Amino acid sequence: MRVACPLCGARDSREFTPVGGAELLARPAPEAGAEAWDDYLHNRVNACGPSRELWYHGAGCASWLVVERDTASHEVLGVTLAREVAR
């Protein structure tokens, strides 16, 4: 599978580490309370089909990326630098 890094161009997926859903970027405020933090830390969506995931390009530019990918076909639909994604 190839991933089109916005900084490095098309690269082999083995250069990247998938971390989880892109909802990880929406971190609760420190004072949000135990229920919000429990949900953030432990509950994850595991849907079949299009998803937004947070990936780290450790063997390249060391950027955090939001990869839009179809989990059924593994087709990469788009890649954006995480810092450019609205939270």
PDB file of N, CA and C in Angstrom:
ATOM      1  N   MET A   1       0.845  -1.170   0.000  1.00  0.00           N
ATOM      2  CA  MET A   1       0.000   0.000   0.000  1.00  0.00           C
ATOM      3  C   MET A   1       0.894   1.238   0.000  1.00  0.00           C
ATOM      4  N   ARG A   2       0.544   2.219  -0.791  1.00  0.00           N
ATOM      5  CA  ARG A   2       1.282   3.477  -0.875  1.00  0.00           C
ATOM      6  C   ARG A   2       0.491   4.577  -0.176  1.00  0.00           C
ATOM      7  N   VAL A   3       1.210   5.448   0.517  1.00  0.00           N
ATOM      8  CA  VAL A   3       0.608   6.579   1.212  1.00  0.00           C
ATOM      9  C   VAL A   3       1.264   7.842   0.674  1.00  0.00           C
ATOM     10  N   ALA A   4       0.463   8.791   0.233  1.00  0.00           N
ATOM     11  CA  ALA A   4       0.979  10.040  -0.346  1.00  0.00           C
ATOM     12  C   ALA A   4       1.219  11.066   0.753  1.00  0.00           C
ATOM     13  N   CYS A   5       2.401  11.031   1.340  1.00  0.00           N
ATOM     14  CA  CYS A   5       2.767  12.002   2.374  1.00  0.00           C
ATOM     15  C   CYS A   5       2.795  13.396   1.741  1.00  0.00           C
ATOM     16  N   PRO A   6       2.146  14.394   2.361  1.00  0.00           N
ATOM     17  CA  PRO A   6       2.150  15.742   1.798  1.00  0.00           C
ATOM     18  C   PRO A   6       3.548  16.354   1.686  1.00  0.00           C
ATOM     19  N   LEU A   7       4.501  15.887   2.492  1.00  0.00           N
ATOM     20  CA  LEU A   7       5.849  16.446   2.469  1.00  0.00           C
ATOM     21  C   LEU A   7       6.849  15.602   1.680  1.00  0.00           C
ATOM     22  N   CYS A   8       6.669  14.277   1.688  1.00  0.00           N
ATOM     23  CA  CYS A   8       7.653  13.374   1.079  1.00  0.00           C
ATOM     24  C   CYS A   8       7.200  12.748  -0.237  1.00  0.00           C
ATOM     25  N   GLY A   9       5.913  12.835  -0.544  1.00  0.00           N
ATOM     26  CA  GLY A   9       5.387  12.183  -1.734  1.00  0.00           C
ATOM     27  C   GLY A   9       4.945  10.756  -1.410  1.00  0.00           C
ATOM     28  N   ALA A  10       4.677   9.987  -2.450  1.00  0.00           N
ATOM     29  CA  ALA A  10       4.178   8.616  -2.280  1.00  0.00           C
ATOM     30  C   ALA A  10       5.258   7.742  -1.647  1.00  0.00           C
ATOM     31  N   ARG A  11       4.889   7.077  -0.557  1.00  0.00           N
ATOM     32  CA  ARG A  11       5.825   6.230   0.191  1.00  0.00           C
ATOM     33  C   ARG A  11       5.154   4.907   0.534  1.00  0.00           C
ATOM     34  N   ASP A  12       5.961   3.900   0.789  1.00  0.00           N
ATOM     35  CA  ASP A  12       5.452   2.602   1.209  1.00  0.00           C
ATOM     36  C   ASP A  12       4.840   2.731   2.604  1.00  0.00           C
ATOM     37  N   SER A  13       3.732   2.055   2.831  1.00  0.00           N
ATOM     38  CA  SER A  13       3.035   2.169   4.118  1.00  0.00           C
ATOM     39  C   SER A  13       3.872   1.689   5.296  1.00  0.00           C
ATOM     40  N   ARG A  14       4.908   0.898   5.050  1.00  0.00           N
ATOM     41  CA  ARG A  14       5.759   0.423   6.148  1.00  0.00           C
ATOM     42  C   ARG A  14       6.566   1.543   6.801  1.00  0.00           C
ATOM     43  N   GLU A  15       6.613   2.725   6.175  1.00  0.00           N
ATOM     44  CA  GLU A  15       7.295   3.872   6.771  1.00  0.00           C
ATOM     45  C   GLU A  15       6.445   4.553   7.844  1.00  0.00           C
ATOM     46  N   PHE A  16       5.177   4.169   7.947  1.00  0.00           N
ATOM     47  CA  PHE A  16       4.221   4.848   8.809  1.00  0.00           C
ATOM     48  C   PHE A  16       3.766   3.949   9.950  1.00  0.00           C
ATOM     49  N   THR A  17       3.365   4.582  11.046  1.00  0.00           N
ATOM     50  CA  THR A  17       2.780   3.863  12.174  1.00  0.00           C
ATOM     51  C   THR A  17       1.370   4.392  12.392  1.00  0.00           C
ATOM     52  N   PRO A  18       0.345   3.560  12.155  1.00  0.00           N
ATOM     53  CA  PRO A  18      -1.015   4.004  12.467  1.00  0.00           C
ATOM     54  C   PRO A  18      -1.222   3.997  13.983  1.00  0.00           C
ATOM     55  N   VAL A  19      -1.812   5.053  14.506  1.00  0.00           N
ATOM     56  CA  VAL A  19      -1.951   5.205  15.950  1.00  0.00           C
ATOM     57  C   VAL A  19      -3.392   5.003  16.415  1.00  0.00           C
ATOM     58  N   GLY A  20      -4.340   5.372  15.594  1.00  0.00           N
ATOM     59  CA  GLY A  20      -5.749   5.246  15.964  1.00  0.00           C
ATOM     60  C   GLY A  20      -6.582   6.227  15.175  1.00  0.00           C
ATOM     61  N   GLY A  21      -7.830   6.347  15.552  1.00  0.00           N
ATOM     62  CA  GLY A  21      -8.738   7.256  14.873  1.00  0.00           C
ATOM     63  C   GLY A  21      -8.325   8.710  15.039  1.00  0.00           C
ATOM     64  N   ALA A  22      -8.647   9.522  14.037  1.00  0.00           N
ATOM     65  CA  ALA A  22      -8.288  10.944  14.073  1.00  0.00           C
ATOM     66  C   ALA A  22      -9.021  11.695  15.174  1.00  0.00           C
ATOM     67  N   GLU A  23     -10.029  11.065  15.784  1.00  0.00           N
ATOM     68  CA  GLU A  23     -10.704  11.707  16.916  1.00  0.00           C
ATOM     69  C   GLU A  23      -9.745  11.922  18.089  1.00  0.00           C
ATOM     70  N   LEU A  24      -8.575  11.278  18.054  1.00  0.00           N
ATOM     71  CA  LEU A  24      -7.563  11.512  19.084  1.00  0.00           C
ATOM     72  C   LEU A  24      -7.102  12.966  19.100  1.00  0.00           C
ATOM     73  N   LEU A  25      -7.275  13.675  17.984  1.00  0.00           N
ATOM     74  CA  LEU A  25      -6.892  15.084  17.925  1.00  0.00           C
ATOM     75  C   LEU A  25      -7.823  15.964  18.754  1.00  0.00           C
ATOM     76  N   ALA A  26      -9.027  15.466  19.048  1.00  0.00           N
ATOM     77  CA  ALA A  26     -10.022  16.232  19.816  1.00  0.00           C
ATOM     78  C   ALA A  26      -9.906  15.886  21.298  1.00  0.00           C
ATOM     79  N   ARG A  27      -8.792  16.227  21.874  1.00  0.00           N
ATOM     80  CA  ARG A  27      -8.503  15.921  23.284  1.00  0.00           C
ATOM     81  C   ARG A  27      -9.377  16.773  24.201  1.00  0.00           C
ATOM     82  N   PRO A  28      -9.963  16.178  25.242  1.00  0.00           N
ATOM     83  CA  PRO A  28     -10.786  16.960  26.167  1.00  0.00           C
ATOM     84  C   PRO A  28      -9.943  17.981  26.946  1.00  0.00           C
ATOM     85  N   ALA A  29     -10.607  19.002  27.409  1.00  0.00           N
ATOM     86  CA  ALA A  29      -9.938  19.988  28.263  1.00  0.00           C
ATOM     87  C   ALA A  29      -9.553  19.305  29.572  1.00  0.00           C
ATOM     88  N   PRO A  30      -8.470  19.759  30.232  1.00  0.00           N
ATOM     89  CA  PRO A  30      -8.043  19.128  31.484  1.00  0.00           C
ATOM     90  C   PRO A  30      -9.147  19.053  32.540  1.00  0.00           C
ATOM     91  N   GLU A  31     -10.031  20.035  32.544  1.00  0.00           N
ATOM     92  CA  GLU A  31     -11.094  20.061  33.548  1.00  0.00           C
ATOM     93  C   GLU A  31     -12.383  19.392  33.068  1.00  0.00           C
ATOM     94  N   ALA A  32     -12.341  18.646  31.977  1.00  0.00           N
ATOM     95  CA  ALA A  32     -13.542  18.051  31.374  1.00  0.00           C
ATOM     96  C   ALA A  32     -14.223  17.009  32.250  1.00  0.00           C
ATOM     97  N   GLY A  33     -13.510  16.423  33.156  1.00  0.00           N
ATOM     98  CA  GLY A  33     -14.117  15.437  34.039  1.00  0.00           C
ATOM     99  C   GLY A  33     -13.751  14.015  33.668  1.00  0.00           C
ATOM    100  N   ALA A  34     -13.961  13.114  34.610  1.00  0.00           N
ATOM    101  CA  ALA A  34     -13.550  11.719  34.453  1.00  0.00           C
ATOM    102  C   ALA A  34     -14.277  11.016  33.314  1.00  0.00           C
ATOM    103  N   GLU A  35     -15.562  11.278  33.122  1.00  0.00           N
ATOM    104  CA  GLU A  35     -16.322  10.596  32.071  1.00  0.00           C
ATOM    105  C   GLU A  35     -15.791  10.957  30.680  1.00  0.00           C
ATOM    106  N   ALA A  36     -15.502  12.226  30.451  1.00  0.00           N
ATOM    107  CA  ALA A  36     -14.968  12.654  29.152  1.00  0.00           C
ATOM    108  C   ALA A  36     -13.593  12.045  28.911  1.00  0.00           C
ATOM    109  N   TRP A  37     -12.754  12.015  29.934  1.00  0.00           N
ATOM    110  CA  TRP A  37     -11.417  11.437  29.777  1.00  0.00           C
ATOM    111  C   TRP A  37     -11.468   9.921  29.606  1.00  0.00           C
ATOM    112  N   ASP A  38     -12.377   9.250  30.304  1.00  0.00           N
ATOM    113  CA  ASP A  38     -12.540   7.805  30.138  1.00  0.00           C
ATOM    114  C   ASP A  38     -12.952   7.490  28.702  1.00  0.00           C
ATOM    115  N   ASP A  39     -13.898   8.257  28.165  1.00  0.00           N
ATOM    116  CA  ASP A  39     -14.343   8.059  26.789  1.00  0.00           C
ATOM    117  C   ASP A  39     -13.193   8.294  25.805  1.00  0.00           C
ATOM    118  N   TYR A  40     -12.442   9.364  26.008  1.00  0.00           N
ATOM    119  CA  TYR A  40     -11.321   9.695  25.121  1.00  0.00           C
ATOM    120  C   TYR A  40     -10.240   8.605  25.138  1.00  0.00           C
ATOM    121  N   LEU A  41      -9.930   8.094  26.306  1.00  0.00           N
ATOM    122  CA  LEU A  41      -8.833   7.129  26.441  1.00  0.00           C
ATOM    123  C   LEU A  41      -9.197   5.701  26.060  1.00  0.00           C
ATOM    124  N   HIS A  42     -10.457   5.309  26.241  1.00  0.00           N
ATOM    125  CA  HIS A  42     -10.783   3.894  26.130  1.00  0.00           C
ATOM    126  C   HIS A  42     -11.763   3.505  25.034  1.00  0.00           C
ATOM    127  N   ASN A  43     -12.559   4.416  24.534  1.00  0.00           N
ATOM    128  CA  ASN A  43     -13.579   4.062  23.548  1.00  0.00           C
ATOM    129  C   ASN A  43     -13.143   4.462  22.142  1.00  0.00           C
ATOM    130  N   ARG A  44     -13.206   3.504  21.232  1.00  0.00           N
ATOM    131  CA  ARG A  44     -12.793   3.743  19.853  1.00  0.00           C
ATOM    132  C   ARG A  44     -13.850   3.225  18.891  1.00  0.00           C
ATOM    133  N   VAL A  45     -14.012   3.924  17.775  1.00  0.00           N
ATOM    134  CA  VAL A  45     -14.897   3.481  16.709  1.00  0.00           C
ATOM    135  C   VAL A  45     -14.114   2.488  15.857  1.00  0.00           C
ATOM    136  N   ASN A  46     -14.741   1.378  15.510  1.00  0.00           N
ATOM    137  CA  ASN A  46     -14.084   0.371  14.675  1.00  0.00           C
ATOM    138  C   ASN A  46     -15.014   0.021  13.515  1.00  0.00           C
ATOM    139  N   ALA A  47     -15.339   1.023  12.718  1.00  0.00           N
ATOM    140  CA  ALA A  47     -16.300   0.853  11.626  1.00  0.00           C
ATOM    141  C   ALA A  47     -15.630   0.278  10.377  1.00  0.00           C
ATOM    142  N   CYS A  48     -16.414  -0.443   9.612  1.00  0.00           N
ATOM    143  CA  CYS A  48     -15.950  -0.956   8.325  1.00  0.00           C
ATOM    144  C   CYS A  48     -16.323   0.062   7.259  1.00  0.00           C
ATOM    145  N   GLY A  49     -15.337   0.524   6.500  1.00  0.00           N
ATOM    146  CA  GLY A  49     -15.590   1.517   5.458  1.00  0.00           C
ATOM    147  C   GLY A  49     -14.686   2.718   5.636  1.00  0.00           C
ATOM    148  N   PRO A  50     -15.080   3.862   5.078  1.00  0.00           N
ATOM    149  CA  PRO A  50     -14.249   5.061   5.163  1.00  0.00           C
ATOM    150  C   PRO A  50     -14.007   5.501   6.601  1.00  0.00           C
ATOM    151  N   SER A  51     -12.760   5.840   6.902  1.00  0.00           N
ATOM    152  CA  SER A  51     -12.407   6.294   8.248  1.00  0.00           C
ATOM    153  C   SER A  51     -11.293   7.325   8.161  1.00  0.00           C
ATOM    154  N   ARG A  52     -11.115   8.072   9.235  1.00  0.00           N
ATOM    155  CA  ARG A  52     -10.014   9.032   9.350  1.00  0.00           C
ATOM    156  C   ARG A  52      -9.122   8.548  10.474  1.00  0.00           C
ATOM    157  N   GLU A  53      -7.836   8.344  10.174  1.00  0.00           N
ATOM    158  CA  GLU A  53      -6.897   7.769  11.137  1.00  0.00           C
ATOM    159  C   GLU A  53      -5.687   8.681  11.322  1.00  0.00           C
ATOM    160  N   LEU A  54      -5.112   8.632  12.490  1.00  0.00           N
ATOM    161  CA  LEU A  54      -3.901   9.376  12.805  1.00  0.00           C
ATOM    162  C   LEU A  54      -2.705   8.456  12.594  1.00  0.00           C
ATOM    163  N   TRP A  55      -1.788   8.868  11.723  1.00  0.00           N
ATOM    164  CA  TRP A  55      -0.596   8.078  11.408  1.00  0.00           C
ATOM    165  C   TRP A  55       0.642   8.937  11.641  1.00  0.00           C
ATOM    166  N   TYR A  56       1.744   8.272  12.019  1.00  0.00           N
ATOM    167  CA  TYR A  56       3.024   8.939  12.238  1.00  0.00           C
ATOM    168  C   TYR A  56       4.010   8.476  11.171  1.00  0.00           C
ATOM    169  N   HIS A  57       4.671   9.413  10.496  1.00  0.00           N
ATOM    170  CA  HIS A  57       5.642   9.075   9.449  1.00  0.00           C
ATOM    171  C   HIS A  57       7.050   9.017  10.054  1.00  0.00           C
ATOM    172  N   GLY A  58       7.279   7.982  10.830  1.00  0.00           N
ATOM    173  CA  GLY A  58       8.529   7.834  11.572  1.00  0.00           C
ATOM    174  C   GLY A  58       9.753   7.560  10.720  1.00  0.00           C
ATOM    175  N   ALA A  59       9.591   6.890   9.581  1.00  0.00           N
ATOM    176  CA  ALA A  59      10.728   6.573   8.720  1.00  0.00           C
ATOM    177  C   ALA A  59      10.869   7.592   7.596  1.00  0.00           C
ATOM    178  N   GLY A  60      10.283   8.759   7.806  1.00  0.00           N
ATOM    179  CA  GLY A  60      10.343   9.818   6.796  1.00  0.00           C
ATOM    180  C   GLY A  60      10.517  11.161   7.467  1.00  0.00           C
ATOM    181  N   CYS A  61       9.542  12.031   7.287  1.00  0.00           N
ATOM    182  CA  CYS A  61       9.637  13.416   7.743  1.00  0.00           C
ATOM    183  C   CYS A  61       9.229  13.615   9.208  1.00  0.00           C
ATOM    184  N   ALA A  62       8.830  12.556   9.897  1.00  0.00           N
ATOM    185  CA  ALA A  62       8.410  12.599  11.301  1.00  0.00           C
ATOM    186  C   ALA A  62       7.167  13.459  11.518  1.00  0.00           C
ATOM    187  N   SER A  63       6.317  13.525  10.509  1.00  0.00           N
ATOM    188  CA  SER A  63       5.074  14.289  10.619  1.00  0.00           C
ATOM    189  C   SER A  63       3.928  13.412  11.087  1.00  0.00           C
ATOM    190  N   TRP A  64       2.960  14.044  11.747  1.00  0.00           N
ATOM    191  CA  TRP A  64       1.702  13.401  12.092  1.00  0.00           C
ATOM    192  C   TRP A  64       0.726  13.694  10.969  1.00  0.00           C
ATOM    193  N   LEU A  65       0.036  12.660  10.497  1.00  0.00           N
ATOM    194  CA  LEU A  65      -0.855  12.777   9.354  1.00  0.00           C
ATOM    195  C   LEU A  65      -2.238  12.253   9.698  1.00  0.00           C
ATOM    196  N   VAL A  66      -3.247  12.828   9.059  1.00  0.00           N
ATOM    197  CA  VAL A  66      -4.589  12.254   9.091  1.00  0.00           C
ATOM    198  C   VAL A  66      -4.777  11.561   7.753  1.00  0.00           C
ATOM    199  N   VAL A  67      -4.903  10.241   7.806  1.00  0.00           N
ATOM    200  CA  VAL A  67      -5.062   9.422   6.610  1.00  0.00           C
ATOM    201  C   VAL A  67      -6.527   9.021   6.515  1.00  0.00           C
ATOM    202  N   GLU A  68      -7.151   9.384   5.405  1.00  0.00           N
ATOM    203  CA  GLU A  68      -8.514   8.943   5.140  1.00  0.00           C
ATOM    204  C   GLU A  68      -8.389   7.657   4.342  1.00  0.00           C
ATOM    205  N   ARG A  69      -8.972   6.573   4.895  1.00  0.00           N
ATOM    206  CA  ARG A  69      -8.759   5.246   4.323  1.00  0.00           C
ATOM    207  C   ARG A  69     -10.036   4.432   4.443  1.00  0.00           C
ATOM    208  N   ASP A  70     -10.274   3.591   3.445  1.00  0.00           N
ATOM    209  CA  ASP A  70     -11.378   2.649   3.506  1.00  0.00           C
ATOM    210  C   ASP A  70     -10.860   1.392   4.191  1.00  0.00           C
ATOM    211  N   THR A  71     -11.389   1.079   5.369  1.00  0.00           N
ATOM    212  CA  THR A  71     -10.881  -0.060   6.128  1.00  0.00           C
ATOM    213  C   THR A  71     -11.268  -1.397   5.514  1.00  0.00           C
ATOM    214  N   ALA A  72     -12.246  -1.411   4.607  1.00  0.00           N
ATOM    215  CA  ALA A  72     -12.643  -2.660   3.940  1.00  0.00           C
ATOM    216  C   ALA A  72     -11.697  -3.004   2.795  1.00  0.00           C
ATOM    217  N   SER A  73     -11.288  -1.982   2.034  1.00  0.00           N
ATOM    218  CA  SER A  73     -10.440  -2.231   0.864  1.00  0.00           C
ATOM    219  C   SER A  73      -8.992  -1.795   1.066  1.00  0.00           C
ATOM    220  N   HIS A  74      -8.709  -1.063   2.117  1.00  0.00           N
ATOM    221  CA  HIS A  74      -7.396  -0.471   2.425  1.00  0.00           C
ATOM    222  C   HIS A  74      -7.010   0.633   1.438  1.00  0.00           C
ATOM    223  N   GLU A  75      -7.942   1.081   0.618  1.00  0.00           N
ATOM    224  CA  GLU A  75      -7.658   2.179  -0.316  1.00  0.00           C
ATOM    225  C   GLU A  75      -7.455   3.472   0.464  1.00  0.00           C
ATOM    226  N   VAL A  76      -6.361   4.176   0.185  1.00  0.00           N
ATOM    227  CA  VAL A  76      -6.095   5.468   0.802  1.00  0.00           C
ATOM    228  C   VAL A  76      -6.834   6.522  -0.016  1.00  0.00           C
ATOM    229  N   LEU A  77      -7.733   7.253   0.647  1.00  0.00           N
ATOM    230  CA  LEU A  77      -8.577   8.230  -0.027  1.00  0.00           C
ATOM    231  C   LEU A  77      -8.013   9.642   0.036  1.00  0.00           C
ATOM    232  N   GLY A  78      -7.142   9.901   0.993  1.00  0.00           N
ATOM    233  CA  GLY A  78      -6.546  11.220   1.135  1.00  0.00           C
ATOM    234  C   GLY A  78      -5.630  11.274   2.347  1.00  0.00           C
ATOM    235  N   VAL A  79      -4.696  12.221   2.314  1.00  0.00           N
ATOM    236  CA  VAL A  79      -3.744  12.397   3.420  1.00  0.00           C
ATOM    237  C   VAL A  79      -3.558  13.894   3.657  1.00  0.00           C
ATOM    238  N   THR A  80      -3.632  14.298   4.924  1.00  0.00           N
ATOM    239  CA  THR A  80      -3.468  15.696   5.305  1.00  0.00           C
ATOM    240  C   THR A  80      -2.546  15.775   6.505  1.00  0.00           C
ATOM    241  N   LEU A  81      -1.730  16.809   6.582  1.00  0.00           N
ATOM    242  CA  LEU A  81      -0.928  17.031   7.784  1.00  0.00           C
ATOM    243  C   LEU A  81      -1.882  17.260   8.955  1.00  0.00           C
ATOM    244  N   ALA A  82      -1.646  16.609  10.074  1.00  0.00           N
ATOM    245  CA  ALA A  82      -2.534  16.705  11.235  1.00  0.00           C
ATOM    246  C   ALA A  82      -2.661  18.155  11.713  1.00  0.00           C
ATOM    247  N   ARG A  83      -1.615  18.929  11.612  1.00  0.00           N
ATOM    248  CA  ARG A  83      -1.674  20.309  12.089  1.00  0.00           C
ATOM    249  C   ARG A  83      -2.599  21.181  11.242  1.00  0.00           C
ATOM    250  N   GLU A  84      -2.964  20.706  10.051  1.00  0.00           N
ATOM    251  CA  GLU A  84      -3.844  21.468   9.161  1.00  0.00           C
ATOM    252  C   GLU A  84      -5.303  21.017   9.254  1.00  0.00           C
ATOM    253  N   VAL A  85      -5.584  20.036  10.113  1.00  0.00           N
ATOM    254  CA  VAL A  85      -6.936  19.507  10.238  1.00  0.00           C
ATOM    255  C   VAL A  85      -7.663  20.242  11.347  1.00  0.00           C
ATOM    256  N   ALA A  86      -8.885  20.695  11.038  1.00  0.00           N
ATOM    257  CA  ALA A  86      -9.703  21.364  12.062  1.00  0.00           C
ATOM    258  C   ALA A  86     -10.098  20.349  13.121  1.00  0.00           C
ATOM    259  N   ARG A  87      -9.984  20.721  14.343  1.00  0.00           N
ATOM    260  CA  ARG A  87     -10.322  19.813  15.440  1.00  0.00           C
ATOM    261  C   ARG A  87     -11.732  19.985  15.777  1.00  0.00           C
TER     262      ARG A  87
END
